[in-house]
Amino acid sequence: MRILYIDDDPALARLATRVLARSDFEVIHAPSITTGLELFEAEEFEAVVLDHYFENQTGLNFLEAIAETRRRTPVLYVTGSSDADVAIKALKGGAADYVVKTATDDFFPLLVSALEQALENARLRSEKEEADRQLVVAKERAELLLAEMNHRIANSLSLVSAMIRMQMQIAHSDETKTALDETQNRITAIAGVHRSLYTSGDVSEVQLDVYLRPLLAELHGTSSFSRGIAVQSDLCRISTSADRAVALGVILTELVTNAMKYAYPEAEGEVRVVLRRTDDGGNVMSVEDDGVGFDRASGPKGTGLGTRLINAMTTTLGAEITYGRDGKSTGTYVAVRWH
């Protein structure tokens, strides 16, 4: 392994060349900081052995100069000074280690040991950086594949939704049209999650406000029950998993569809959707109207499928659903709370 040995003592440099050669190190000697910098820039070295004292300069000047190159070659700092401040400055300046130069026979064994340790550390650091790089590449590839999968699922569900819309146009009974319309809305809720994941910078989470806002717009724009109904929303930024987002999207679809269908049978009206955080660190999503109200004791007005879906999704969330609230005697208020 090629070692750049920067020292202005030619006798010690010759001795270092012979001693280090026994440990398979090829020593290239530089008698000054200037020469050392020229060799360092022009050639490749596995490590640098750098003396501290030079005429009008110190090894710290070399460390400062190579810091701009951003090369990761380990530098072993050699000093004859017992001043700890010199070693501290060298380590802060980028040296991998330091060895105190002494007149005893143990200097070169210590130098060889420190070189081997510095080279091993450099090898391990390089392997770690390569492993980290490969991990980042694998993560990016997985995210691209996941985004593409979400894109394809969203497109496929949109195609199914279009087929259902075509089927609605040729259906003869109002009951069939209503069932198909509600099915289309449910598919829209699920497709919206995948569309949100596809367009998001993070495929592991769904921003509920980003997902629910276009879902509400599509429900209002495509549903046959939305005539004369205004849908208002106040949605705060809450992140959740894709599974939770699907459950919340299905619940919201059923609640808003029911409000548009039954709240204002003879007049125009408004449906309000609120998504917010609670004081105890939880979350709540509510749907409210000022219509004719809903008597739970009399059971569902339709087939009851929507109610069963709401209950199933609430169980999936581990959430609590409440009907009505204090101070509100008219209309319908439904809230889903979860942590």
Protein backbone atom coordinates (compact mmCIF):
# COMPACT_ATOMS: atom_id res chain seq x y z
CA MET A 1 0.00 0.00 0.00
CA ARG A 2 1.32 3.42 -1.00
CA ILE A 3 1.94 5.81 1.88
CA LEU A 4 2.73 9.51 1.48
CA TYR A 5 5.29 10.34 4.18
CA ILE A 6 5.60 14.10 4.72
CA ASP A 7 8.62 14.96 6.92
CA ASP A 8 11.53 17.38 6.53
CA ASP A 9 13.97 14.99 8.26
CA PRO A 10 15.55 12.97 5.40
CA ALA A 11 17.30 10.51 7.71
CA LEU A 12 14.10 9.62 9.53
CA ALA A 13 12.28 9.38 6.19
CA ARG A 14 14.83 6.84 4.89
CA LEU A 15 14.50 4.82 8.07
CA ALA A 16 10.70 4.95 7.84
CA THR A 17 10.90 3.73 4.23
CA ARG A 18 12.90 0.65 5.26
CA VAL A 19 10.87 -0.14 8.36
CA LEU A 20 7.44 0.31 6.75
CA ALA A 21 8.50 -1.77 3.75
CA ARG A 22 8.67 -4.80 6.08
CA SER A 23 4.93 -4.35 6.65
CA ASP A 24 4.22 -4.09 2.88
CA PHE A 25 4.00 -0.29 2.80
CA GLU A 26 5.55 1.57 -0.13
CA VAL A 27 6.67 4.98 1.16
CA ILE A 28 6.73 8.06 -1.06
CA HIS A 29 8.65 10.81 0.74
CA ALA A 30 7.76 14.50 0.57
CA PRO A 31 10.28 16.83 2.32
CA SER A 32 7.86 19.78 2.63
CA ILE A 33 4.20 20.71 2.94
CA THR A 34 4.24 22.14 -0.60
CA THR A 35 5.69 18.97 -2.13
CA GLY A 36 3.31 16.87 -0.08
CA LEU A 37 0.30 18.77 -1.41
CA GLU A 38 1.52 18.43 -5.00
CA LEU A 39 1.97 14.65 -4.63
CA PHE A 40 -1.34 14.28 -2.80
CA GLU A 41 -3.20 16.02 -5.62
CA ALA A 42 -1.39 14.21 -8.42
CA GLU A 43 -1.33 10.62 -7.13
CA GLU A 44 -3.37 8.12 -5.14
CA PHE A 45 -2.30 7.06 -1.66
CA GLU A 46 -3.88 4.70 0.86
CA ALA A 47 -2.77 6.89 3.77
CA VAL A 48 -0.66 9.91 4.72
CA VAL A 49 1.90 10.12 7.55
CA LEU A 50 2.25 13.81 8.39
CA ASP A 51 4.85 15.40 10.66
CA HIS A 52 3.89 18.46 12.72
CA TYR A 53 6.88 20.82 12.63
CA PHE A 54 8.18 22.31 9.38
CA GLU A 55 10.07 25.49 8.63
CA ASN A 56 7.54 28.35 8.82
CA GLN A 57 4.64 25.86 8.72
CA THR A 58 3.03 22.95 10.55
CA GLY A 59 1.18 19.85 9.46
CA LEU A 60 -2.03 21.65 10.35
CA ASN A 61 -1.56 23.73 7.18
CA PHE A 62 -1.60 20.51 5.14
CA LEU A 63 -4.78 19.33 6.85
CA GLU A 64 -6.44 22.68 6.15
CA ALA A 65 -5.44 22.56 2.48
CA ILE A 66 -6.70 19.01 1.80
CA ALA A 67 -9.99 19.62 3.63
CA GLU A 68 -11.19 21.44 0.50
CA THR A 69 -10.53 18.37 -1.70
CA ARG A 70 -13.01 16.24 0.30
CA ARG A 71 -10.85 13.15 -0.24
CA ARG A 72 -11.24 10.55 2.49
CA THR A 73 -7.59 9.41 2.64
CA PRO A 74 -6.71 8.79 6.32
CA VAL A 75 -3.98 11.07 7.70
CA LEU A 76 -1.81 9.92 10.60
CA TYR A 77 -0.39 12.90 12.47
CA VAL A 78 3.10 12.56 13.92
CA THR A 79 4.32 15.01 16.51
CA GLY A 80 7.29 15.18 18.82
CA SER A 81 5.41 17.50 21.11
CA SER A 82 3.75 16.19 24.24
CA ASP A 83 1.34 19.12 24.12
CA ALA A 84 -2.16 17.65 23.98
CA ASP A 85 -3.40 20.81 22.26
CA VAL A 86 -1.47 19.87 19.11
CA ALA A 87 -3.10 16.44 18.94
CA ILE A 88 -6.56 17.91 19.57
CA LYS A 89 -6.11 20.48 16.78
CA ALA A 90 -4.91 17.74 14.42
CA LEU A 91 -7.91 15.51 15.13
CA LYS A 92 -10.29 18.45 14.75
CA GLY A 93 -8.54 19.31 11.49
CA GLY A 94 -9.34 15.88 10.04
CA ALA A 95 -6.50 13.59 11.12
CA ALA A 96 -7.54 9.98 11.64
CA ASP A 97 -5.12 9.44 14.54
CA TYR A 98 -1.83 10.70 15.93
CA VAL A 99 1.42 9.14 17.13
CA VAL A 100 3.94 10.82 19.40
CA LYS A 101 7.42 10.77 17.85
CA THR A 102 9.98 9.46 20.32
CA ALA A 103 13.64 8.41 20.25
CA THR A 104 12.78 4.95 21.57
CA ASP A 105 12.43 1.77 19.55
CA ASP A 106 8.65 1.58 19.96
CA PHE A 107 7.90 4.56 17.66
CA PHE A 108 7.78 2.60 14.41
CA PRO A 109 5.79 -0.36 15.80
CA LEU A 110 3.27 2.19 17.10
CA LEU A 111 3.27 3.91 13.71
CA VAL A 112 2.64 0.63 11.87
CA SER A 113 -0.14 -0.33 14.27
CA ALA A 114 -1.78 3.09 13.94
CA LEU A 115 -1.52 2.91 10.13
CA GLU A 116 -3.13 -0.51 10.01
CA GLN A 117 -5.93 0.64 12.31
CA ALA A 118 -6.52 3.81 10.28
CA LEU A 119 -6.65 1.82 7.04
CA GLU A 120 -9.07 -0.71 8.56
CA ASN A 121 -11.31 2.10 9.78
CA ALA A 122 -11.21 3.69 6.32
CA ARG A 123 -12.16 0.36 4.74
CA LEU A 124 -15.08 -0.13 7.12
CA ARG A 125 -16.26 3.44 6.54
CA SER A 126 -16.10 2.94 2.79
CA GLU A 127 -18.07 -0.32 3.02
CA LYS A 128 -20.68 1.36 5.21
CA GLU A 129 -21.04 4.26 2.77
CA GLU A 130 -21.46 1.82 -0.11
CA ALA A 131 -24.04 -0.17 1.85
CA ASP A 132 -25.90 3.05 2.68
CA ARG A 133 -25.80 4.08 -0.99
CA GLN A 134 -27.18 0.73 -2.10
CA LEU A 135 -29.89 0.97 0.58
CA VAL A 136 -30.92 4.40 -0.72
CA VAL A 137 -31.00 3.08 -4.29
CA ALA A 138 -33.09 0.08 -3.24
CA LYS A 139 -35.47 2.32 -1.28
CA GLU A 140 -35.90 4.66 -4.24
CA ARG A 141 -36.52 1.71 -6.57
CA ALA A 142 -39.12 0.25 -4.19
CA GLU A 143 -40.86 3.62 -3.89
CA LEU A 144 -40.97 3.96 -7.67
CA LEU A 145 -42.44 0.48 -8.02
CA LEU A 146 -44.98 1.20 -5.28
CA ALA A 147 -45.94 4.51 -6.89
CA GLU A 148 -46.38 2.79 -10.26
CA MET A 149 -48.51 0.09 -8.61
CA ASN A 150 -50.74 2.73 -6.97
CA HIS A 151 -51.02 4.50 -10.32
CA ARG A 152 -52.12 1.31 -12.09
CA ILE A 153 -54.61 0.41 -9.34
CA ALA A 154 -56.11 3.91 -9.43
CA ASN A 155 -56.43 3.70 -13.22
CA SER A 156 -58.01 0.25 -13.04
CA LEU A 157 -60.54 1.37 -10.43
CA SER A 158 -61.34 4.44 -12.53
CA LEU A 159 -62.02 2.10 -15.46
CA VAL A 160 -64.37 0.01 -13.29
CA SER A 161 -66.10 3.20 -12.18
CA ALA A 162 -66.59 4.26 -15.80
CA MET A 163 -68.11 0.86 -16.59
CA ILE A 164 -70.55 1.24 -13.71
CA ARG A 165 -71.47 4.72 -14.95
CA MET A 166 -72.24 3.23 -18.38
CA GLN A 167 -74.33 0.53 -16.72
CA MET A 168 -76.31 3.18 -14.85
CA GLN A 169 -77.27 4.83 -18.14
CA ILE A 170 -78.97 1.68 -19.42
CA ALA A 171 -80.48 0.55 -16.08
CA HIS A 172 -84.30 0.65 -16.06
CA SER A 173 -85.18 0.76 -12.36
CA ASP A 174 -84.41 3.60 -9.98
CA GLU A 175 -83.38 1.07 -7.35
CA THR A 176 -80.71 -0.37 -9.64
CA LYS A 177 -79.45 3.08 -10.57
CA THR A 178 -79.21 4.04 -6.89
CA ALA A 179 -77.28 0.87 -6.03
CA LEU A 180 -74.87 1.42 -8.92
CA ASP A 181 -74.40 5.07 -7.98
CA GLU A 182 -73.51 4.15 -4.41
CA THR A 183 -71.14 1.42 -5.61
CA GLN A 184 -69.43 3.91 -7.89
CA ASN A 185 -68.94 6.29 -4.97
CA ARG A 186 -67.34 3.54 -2.88
CA ILE A 187 -64.95 2.66 -5.69
CA THR A 188 -64.09 6.36 -6.02
CA ALA A 189 -63.17 6.47 -2.32
CA ILE A 190 -60.74 3.57 -2.67
CA ALA A 191 -59.25 4.82 -5.96
CA GLY A 192 -58.64 8.20 -4.36
CA VAL A 193 -56.27 6.70 -1.80
CA HIS A 194 -54.11 5.12 -4.50
CA ARG A 195 -54.19 8.33 -6.53
CA SER A 196 -53.10 10.28 -3.44
CA LEU A 197 -50.24 7.86 -2.79
CA TYR A 198 -49.15 8.05 -6.44
CA THR A 199 -48.95 11.84 -6.44
CA SER A 200 -47.43 12.12 -2.95
CA GLY A 201 -43.74 12.42 -2.21
CA ASP A 202 -44.14 9.81 0.55
CA VAL A 203 -45.79 6.56 -0.52
CA SER A 204 -45.99 5.29 3.07
CA GLU A 205 -48.52 7.88 4.29
CA VAL A 206 -51.65 9.63 3.09
CA GLN A 207 -52.37 13.27 3.86
CA LEU A 208 -56.07 13.10 4.69
CA ASP A 209 -56.89 16.65 3.63
CA VAL A 210 -55.19 16.11 0.26
CA TYR A 211 -57.10 12.85 -0.18
CA LEU A 212 -60.54 13.81 1.15
CA ARG A 213 -60.91 17.20 -0.55
CA PRO A 214 -60.96 15.86 -4.15
CA LEU A 215 -63.01 12.87 -2.96
CA LEU A 216 -65.73 15.23 -1.72
CA ALA A 217 -65.57 17.22 -4.95
CA GLU A 218 -65.96 14.06 -7.03
CA LEU A 219 -68.83 12.78 -4.87
CA HIS A 220 -70.64 16.08 -5.27
CA GLY A 221 -69.89 16.33 -8.98
CA THR A 222 -70.88 12.80 -10.00
CA SER A 223 -73.57 11.72 -7.54
CA SER A 224 -77.16 11.81 -8.74
CA PHE A 225 -78.21 12.92 -5.21
CA SER A 226 -76.20 16.14 -5.12
CA ARG A 227 -78.66 18.44 -6.94
CA GLY A 228 -79.37 21.47 -4.78
CA ILE A 229 -76.86 20.33 -2.13
CA ALA A 230 -73.72 22.30 -1.24
CA VAL A 231 -70.83 20.44 0.40
CA GLN A 232 -68.50 22.54 2.58
CA SER A 233 -65.31 21.20 4.13
CA ASP A 234 -62.83 22.30 6.79
CA LEU A 235 -59.96 19.81 6.75
CA CYS A 236 -56.78 20.11 8.78
CA ARG A 237 -53.50 18.36 7.88
CA ILE A 238 -53.47 14.84 9.35
CA SER A 239 -51.26 12.00 8.11
CA THR A 240 -52.25 8.35 8.31
CA SER A 241 -51.61 4.97 6.72
CA ALA A 242 -53.22 3.88 3.45
CA ASP A 243 -55.41 1.29 5.22
CA ARG A 244 -56.79 3.88 7.64
CA ALA A 245 -57.32 6.35 4.80
CA VAL A 246 -59.41 3.79 2.87
CA ALA A 247 -61.59 3.13 5.93
CA LEU A 248 -62.09 6.86 6.56
CA GLY A 249 -62.79 7.47 2.87
CA VAL A 250 -65.48 4.78 2.79
CA ILE A 251 -67.08 6.13 6.00
CA LEU A 252 -67.09 9.68 4.65
CA THR A 253 -68.54 8.53 1.32
CA GLU A 254 -71.44 6.76 3.06
CA LEU A 255 -72.16 9.66 5.44
CA VAL A 256 -72.05 12.35 2.76
CA THR A 257 -74.10 10.23 0.33
CA ASN A 258 -76.74 9.65 3.00
CA ALA A 259 -76.85 13.37 3.81
CA MET A 260 -77.27 14.30 0.15
CA LYS A 261 -79.99 11.66 -0.31
CA TYR A 262 -82.11 12.13 2.80
CA ALA A 263 -81.36 15.41 4.62
CA TYR A 264 -83.21 17.79 2.28
CA PRO A 265 -85.93 15.86 0.44
CA GLU A 266 -87.88 18.94 -0.66
CA ALA A 267 -85.37 21.79 -0.60
CA GLU A 268 -81.79 22.87 -1.10
CA GLY A 269 -79.31 22.55 1.76
CA GLU A 270 -75.73 22.26 2.95
CA VAL A 271 -73.59 19.38 4.17
CA ARG A 272 -70.55 20.27 6.29
CA VAL A 273 -67.48 18.06 6.69
CA VAL A 274 -64.87 18.80 9.37
CA LEU A 275 -61.56 17.04 10.01
CA ARG A 276 -59.61 18.21 13.06
CA ARG A 277 -57.39 17.18 15.93
CA THR A 278 -58.76 16.91 19.44
CA ASP A 279 -57.28 18.32 22.64
CA ASP A 280 -56.34 14.83 23.87
CA GLY A 281 -54.18 14.14 20.81
CA GLY A 282 -56.81 12.23 18.86
CA ASN A 283 -58.62 13.00 15.63
CA VAL A 284 -62.25 13.50 14.68
CA MET A 285 -64.06 13.55 11.34
CA SER A 286 -67.64 14.81 11.37
CA VAL A 287 -70.47 15.17 8.84
CA GLU A 288 -73.30 17.55 9.67
CA ASP A 289 -76.45 18.89 8.02
CA ASP A 290 -79.47 21.01 8.98
CA GLY A 291 -82.03 18.77 7.34
CA VAL A 292 -84.91 16.62 8.50
CA GLY A 293 -82.80 14.63 10.93
CA PHE A 294 -82.25 10.92 11.39
CA ASP A 295 -84.07 8.67 13.83
CA ARG A 296 -81.74 5.76 14.60
CA ALA A 297 -84.55 3.87 16.34
CA SER A 298 -86.44 3.53 13.06
CA GLY A 299 -83.47 1.91 11.33
CA PRO A 300 -81.83 2.78 7.99
CA LYS A 301 -83.92 4.29 5.21
CA GLY A 302 -82.31 2.25 2.45
CA THR A 303 -80.91 -1.27 2.26
CA GLY A 304 -78.77 -0.79 5.35
CA LEU A 305 -75.57 -1.68 3.45
CA GLY A 306 -74.14 1.78 4.06
CA THR A 307 -74.69 1.48 7.81
CA ARG A 308 -73.02 -1.94 7.87
CA LEU A 309 -70.04 -0.54 5.93
CA ILE A 310 -69.71 2.38 8.35
CA ASN A 311 -69.77 0.03 11.34
CA ALA A 312 -67.24 -2.33 9.72
CA MET A 313 -64.84 0.48 8.83
CA THR A 314 -65.18 2.01 12.30
CA THR A 315 -64.21 -1.34 13.82
CA THR A 316 -61.24 -1.56 11.44
CA LEU A 317 -60.06 1.85 12.63
CA GLY A 318 -60.56 1.00 16.28
CA ALA A 319 -62.61 4.20 16.33
CA GLU A 320 -65.73 5.45 18.10
CA ILE A 321 -68.73 6.79 16.22
CA THR A 322 -71.28 9.12 17.81
CA TYR A 323 -74.60 10.49 16.55
CA GLY A 324 -75.87 13.91 17.56
CA ARG A 325 -74.23 16.48 19.82
CA ASP A 326 -75.14 18.79 22.66
CA GLY A 327 -76.98 21.95 21.65
CA LYS A 328 -78.06 20.62 18.22
CA SER A 329 -81.74 19.68 18.01
CA THR A 330 -82.19 19.73 14.22
CA GLY A 331 -80.49 17.97 11.36
CA THR A 332 -77.97 15.16 11.67
CA TYR A 333 -74.49 15.13 13.17
CA VAL A 334 -72.18 12.09 12.95
CA ALA A 335 -68.60 12.07 14.26
CA VAL A 336 -65.88 9.43 14.03
CA ARG A 337 -63.08 9.69 16.63
CA TRP A 338 -59.80 7.78 16.61
CA HIS A 339 -56.25 7.98 17.92
